[in-house]
Protein backbone atom coordinates (compact mmCIF):
# COMPACT_ATOMS: atom_id res chain seq x y z
CA MET A 1 33.57 -191.85 -118.21
CA SER A 2 37.01 -193.33 -118.62
CA SER A 3 38.36 -195.97 -116.25
CA SER A 4 41.07 -193.60 -115.01
CA VAL A 5 38.45 -191.03 -113.95
CA ARG A 6 36.38 -193.72 -112.22
CA ASP A 7 39.48 -194.95 -110.38
CA ARG A 8 40.20 -191.39 -109.32
CA PHE A 9 36.69 -190.90 -107.87
CA LYS A 10 36.88 -194.29 -106.18
CA ALA A 11 40.20 -193.41 -104.53
CA ILE A 12 38.77 -190.09 -103.30
CA ALA A 13 35.69 -191.83 -101.86
CA GLN A 14 37.82 -194.43 -100.11
CA SER A 15 40.06 -191.74 -98.60
CA HIS A 16 36.99 -189.90 -97.25
CA ILE A 17 35.66 -193.12 -95.71
CA LEU A 18 39.05 -193.88 -94.14
CA ARG A 19 39.28 -190.35 -92.77
CA ARG A 20 35.82 -190.63 -91.22
CA VAL A 21 36.66 -194.00 -89.66
CA LEU A 22 39.87 -192.58 -88.16
CA VAL A 23 38.01 -189.55 -86.79
CA LEU A 24 35.32 -191.81 -85.29
CA CYS A 25 37.95 -194.03 -83.68
CA GLY A 26 39.76 -190.99 -82.30
CA CYS A 27 36.54 -189.56 -80.86
CA SER A 28 35.63 -192.91 -79.32
CA LEU A 29 39.08 -193.25 -77.73
CA PHE A 30 38.88 -189.69 -76.38
CA THR A 31 35.42 -190.34 -74.91
CA ILE A 32 36.51 -193.58 -73.25
CA THR A 33 39.65 -191.93 -71.84
CA LEU A 34 37.61 -189.02 -70.50
CA TYR A 35 35.15 -191.41 -68.83
CA VAL A 36 37.91 -193.50 -67.23
CA GLU A 37 39.71 -190.41 -65.95
CA PHE A 38 36.49 -188.89 -64.52
CA ARG A 39 35.46 -192.17 -62.86
CA HIS A 40 38.87 -192.57 -61.23
CA TRP A 41 38.96 -188.93 -60.13
CA TYR A 42 35.45 -189.27 -58.67
CA ASN A 43 36.34 -192.45 -56.73
CA PHE A 44 39.92 -191.67 -55.67
CA GLY A 45 40.39 -187.92 -56.02
CA HIS A 46 43.19 -187.99 -58.62
CA LEU A 47 43.78 -188.62 -62.32
CA VAL A 48 45.79 -191.47 -63.83
CA SER A 49 48.36 -191.83 -66.60
CA TYR A 50 48.81 -194.55 -69.20
CA GLY A 51 50.01 -197.88 -67.79
CA LEU A 52 49.67 -199.61 -64.43
CA HIS A 53 48.33 -197.68 -61.47
CA VAL A 54 48.12 -198.64 -57.78
CA ASP A 55 45.62 -197.17 -55.31
CA ALA A 56 45.62 -197.49 -51.53
CA LEU A 57 42.20 -198.16 -50.00
CA ASN A 58 40.87 -198.66 -46.48
CA GLU A 59 37.76 -199.50 -44.55
CA ASP A 60 36.64 -199.19 -40.94
CA PHE A 61 37.47 -202.41 -39.10
CA ASN A 62 38.87 -203.16 -35.66
CA ILE A 63 40.75 -206.32 -34.68
CA ALA A 64 40.71 -205.62 -30.92
CA ILE A 65 43.91 -203.56 -30.90
CA PRO A 66 43.30 -200.37 -28.86
CA GLY A 67 43.20 -197.39 -31.22
CA GLN A 68 43.37 -199.48 -34.40
CA THR A 69 40.41 -198.52 -36.58
CA LYS A 70 41.34 -199.19 -40.23
CA MET A 71 42.24 -202.05 -42.55
CA TYR A 72 44.35 -201.03 -45.54
CA TRP A 73 44.99 -202.73 -48.88
CA ALA A 74 46.24 -202.00 -52.39
CA GLU A 75 44.40 -202.30 -55.70
CA ILE A 76 46.16 -202.33 -59.07
CA SER A 77 44.51 -201.18 -62.32
CA ASN A 78 45.62 -201.57 -65.92
CA PHE A 79 45.18 -198.34 -67.88
CA SER A 80 47.04 -199.59 -70.94
CA LEU A 81 46.02 -201.33 -74.15
CA LEU A 82 47.79 -204.62 -73.37
CA PRO A 83 47.33 -207.29 -70.68
CA VAL A 84 49.97 -207.34 -67.93
CA ARG A 85 51.30 -210.44 -66.15
CA LEU A 86 51.52 -210.34 -62.35
CA PRO A 87 53.11 -212.94 -60.05
CA GLY A 88 51.05 -214.28 -57.18
CA CYS A 89 51.17 -217.01 -54.56
CA ARG A 90 48.34 -219.19 -53.29
CA PHE A 91 49.61 -219.82 -49.78
CA ARG A 92 48.42 -223.02 -48.12
CA SER A 93 45.66 -222.52 -45.56
CA ASP A 94 42.70 -224.30 -43.97
CA THR A 95 40.35 -222.96 -46.67
CA LEU A 96 39.57 -225.04 -49.74
CA HIS A 97 40.44 -222.30 -52.25
CA PRO A 98 42.73 -219.73 -50.59
CA PRO A 99 42.92 -216.41 -52.46
CA LEU A 100 45.95 -215.33 -54.43
CA GLU A 101 48.27 -212.88 -52.71
CA TYR A 102 50.43 -210.68 -54.90
CA ALA A 103 53.91 -209.36 -54.18
CA TYR A 104 53.91 -206.01 -52.38
CA SER A 105 55.85 -203.91 -49.93
CA ILE A 106 54.79 -201.24 -47.44
CA GLN A 107 56.82 -198.05 -47.08
CA LYS A 108 56.85 -195.08 -44.71
CA TYR A 109 57.87 -191.56 -45.65
CA ASP A 110 60.78 -190.34 -43.52
CA GLU A 111 60.60 -186.58 -43.05
CA PRO A 112 64.24 -185.96 -41.97
CA SER A 113 65.71 -187.71 -45.02
CA LYS A 114 62.81 -186.82 -47.38
CA SER A 115 62.75 -190.40 -48.64
CA TRP A 116 60.64 -193.56 -48.53
CA GLN A 117 61.77 -196.22 -46.06
CA THR A 118 60.85 -199.84 -46.79
CA LEU A 119 59.29 -201.66 -43.84
CA SER A 120 58.60 -205.01 -45.49
CA VAL A 121 59.82 -206.81 -48.62
CA PRO A 122 58.05 -209.77 -50.28
CA HIS A 123 59.88 -213.06 -49.94
CA PHE A 124 58.35 -215.29 -52.58
CA GLU A 125 61.11 -217.84 -52.17
CA PHE A 126 58.85 -219.16 -49.40
CA CYS A 127 56.05 -219.72 -51.94
CA LEU A 128 56.80 -223.43 -52.34
CA GLU A 129 54.84 -226.61 -52.79
CA PRO A 130 55.31 -228.50 -49.49
CA GLU A 131 55.46 -231.92 -51.16
CA SER A 132 57.88 -231.16 -54.00
CA ASN A 133 59.57 -228.01 -52.63
CA GLU A 134 59.03 -226.46 -56.07
CA SER A 135 57.97 -222.87 -56.66
CA ALA A 136 54.23 -222.32 -56.32
CA VAL A 137 54.28 -218.87 -57.91
CA VAL A 138 51.36 -218.48 -60.31
CA TYR A 139 50.73 -215.72 -62.83
CA THR A 140 47.59 -213.69 -63.44
CA TYR A 141 46.97 -211.56 -66.52
CA LEU A 142 45.45 -208.20 -65.72
CA LEU A 143 43.40 -207.15 -68.73
CA PRO A 144 43.11 -203.55 -69.98
CA ALA A 145 40.61 -201.40 -68.03
CA SER A 146 40.44 -203.98 -65.22
CA SER A 147 41.56 -204.01 -61.57
CA LEU A 148 42.38 -206.53 -58.89
CA ARG A 149 43.01 -206.52 -55.18
CA ILE A 150 46.62 -207.20 -54.24
CA MET A 151 46.02 -208.63 -50.76
CA GLY A 152 43.51 -208.89 -47.97
CA GLY A 153 43.15 -205.92 -45.66
CA GLY A 154 45.92 -205.42 -43.14
CA ALA A 155 46.12 -203.47 -39.88
CA PHE A 156 49.23 -201.62 -41.02
CA GLY A 157 48.50 -198.73 -38.67
CA ALA A 158 49.33 -201.07 -35.78
CA MET A 159 52.87 -201.74 -37.07
CA ASP A 160 55.62 -200.61 -34.70
CA ASP A 161 56.99 -198.08 -37.20
CA PHE A 162 53.73 -196.23 -37.80
CA ARG A 163 52.06 -193.48 -35.83
CA LYS A 164 48.90 -191.51 -36.59
CA ASN A 165 49.20 -189.16 -39.62
CA ASP A 166 52.37 -190.83 -40.90
CA LEU A 167 52.58 -191.02 -44.70
CA ALA A 168 52.61 -194.53 -46.15
CA ARG A 169 52.39 -196.20 -49.53
CA PHE A 170 52.29 -199.66 -51.08
CA VAL A 171 54.68 -200.92 -53.76
CA VAL A 172 53.48 -203.71 -56.07
CA PHE A 173 56.03 -205.93 -57.81
CA ARG A 174 55.80 -207.29 -61.36
CA ASN A 175 58.75 -209.64 -60.97
CA VAL A 176 59.77 -211.65 -57.89
CA ILE A 177 62.10 -214.29 -59.34
CA PRO A 178 64.82 -214.68 -58.18
CA SER A 179 64.02 -211.71 -55.90
CA ALA A 180 61.76 -208.66 -55.80
CA ASP A 181 62.62 -206.38 -58.73
CA TRP A 182 62.37 -202.74 -57.66
CA ALA A 183 63.11 -201.43 -61.16
CA THR A 184 59.70 -202.57 -62.46
CA ALA A 185 57.73 -202.08 -59.23
CA ILE A 186 54.74 -199.71 -59.12
CA PRO A 187 54.21 -197.48 -56.04
CA SER A 188 50.77 -196.40 -54.93
CA SER A 189 49.75 -192.86 -54.18
CA ALA A 190 50.63 -191.86 -50.62
CA PHE A 191 48.06 -192.16 -47.85
CA ARG A 192 47.84 -191.13 -44.19
CA ILE A 193 47.75 -193.60 -41.33
CA GLU A 194 44.47 -192.82 -39.56
CA ASP A 195 44.87 -195.17 -36.59
CA ASP A 196 45.89 -193.80 -33.19
CA VAL A 197 47.14 -197.03 -31.64
CA GLN A 198 47.68 -196.85 -27.88
CA ARG A 199 51.09 -198.10 -26.85
CA ASN A 200 53.00 -198.50 -23.61
CA PRO A 201 56.47 -196.92 -23.22
CA ASP A 202 58.05 -200.23 -24.26
CA GLY A 203 56.09 -200.17 -27.54
CA SER A 204 53.58 -202.88 -26.59
CA PHE A 205 49.87 -202.29 -27.08
CA ARG A 206 48.10 -200.64 -24.16
CA ILE A 207 45.23 -202.85 -23.10
CA GLN A 208 42.25 -201.06 -21.57
CA HIS A 209 40.68 -202.66 -18.47
């Protein structure tokens, strides 16, 4: 057999091997994607797209406010192939290792205007080292297929602007220097306020005796 014929057979064999490897990689990627989508749908009731995704979660917890029954927080997940950098602040506290808090906002859906109204905006200019007055913003890399909690649970249902069954959502920011960048922010899926906080006519909490 001539060398040209052997080279021809070798090239054909290599192309078959490459094709099989590509098919195997494609099948593996499809299987992983299907598993991730099913797991997220099972846990949260919706599917996700490629990139960063924010979910709103809650748990039963009362902090002695009449009618307040839930604590809410946001969780961000990375459904991309690359790590993503997120800004955070380790605010000074009495604990030895205070947790990182990430930049977020809370919004309420306004029915008359059919738009989201911002109720709070992160002010990371206050994230400063007390001794040097330098920025204490630190960065975390969120790896592919991983998640992290944006903040501790908050009694957002007790905020003055919220009433039971109002629609709310979190917005997580990827850039906070020099100020919160809305162009790259990621909103969560909308959720209902489940608390029925008892208030007096002046808006103060109604204390039961």
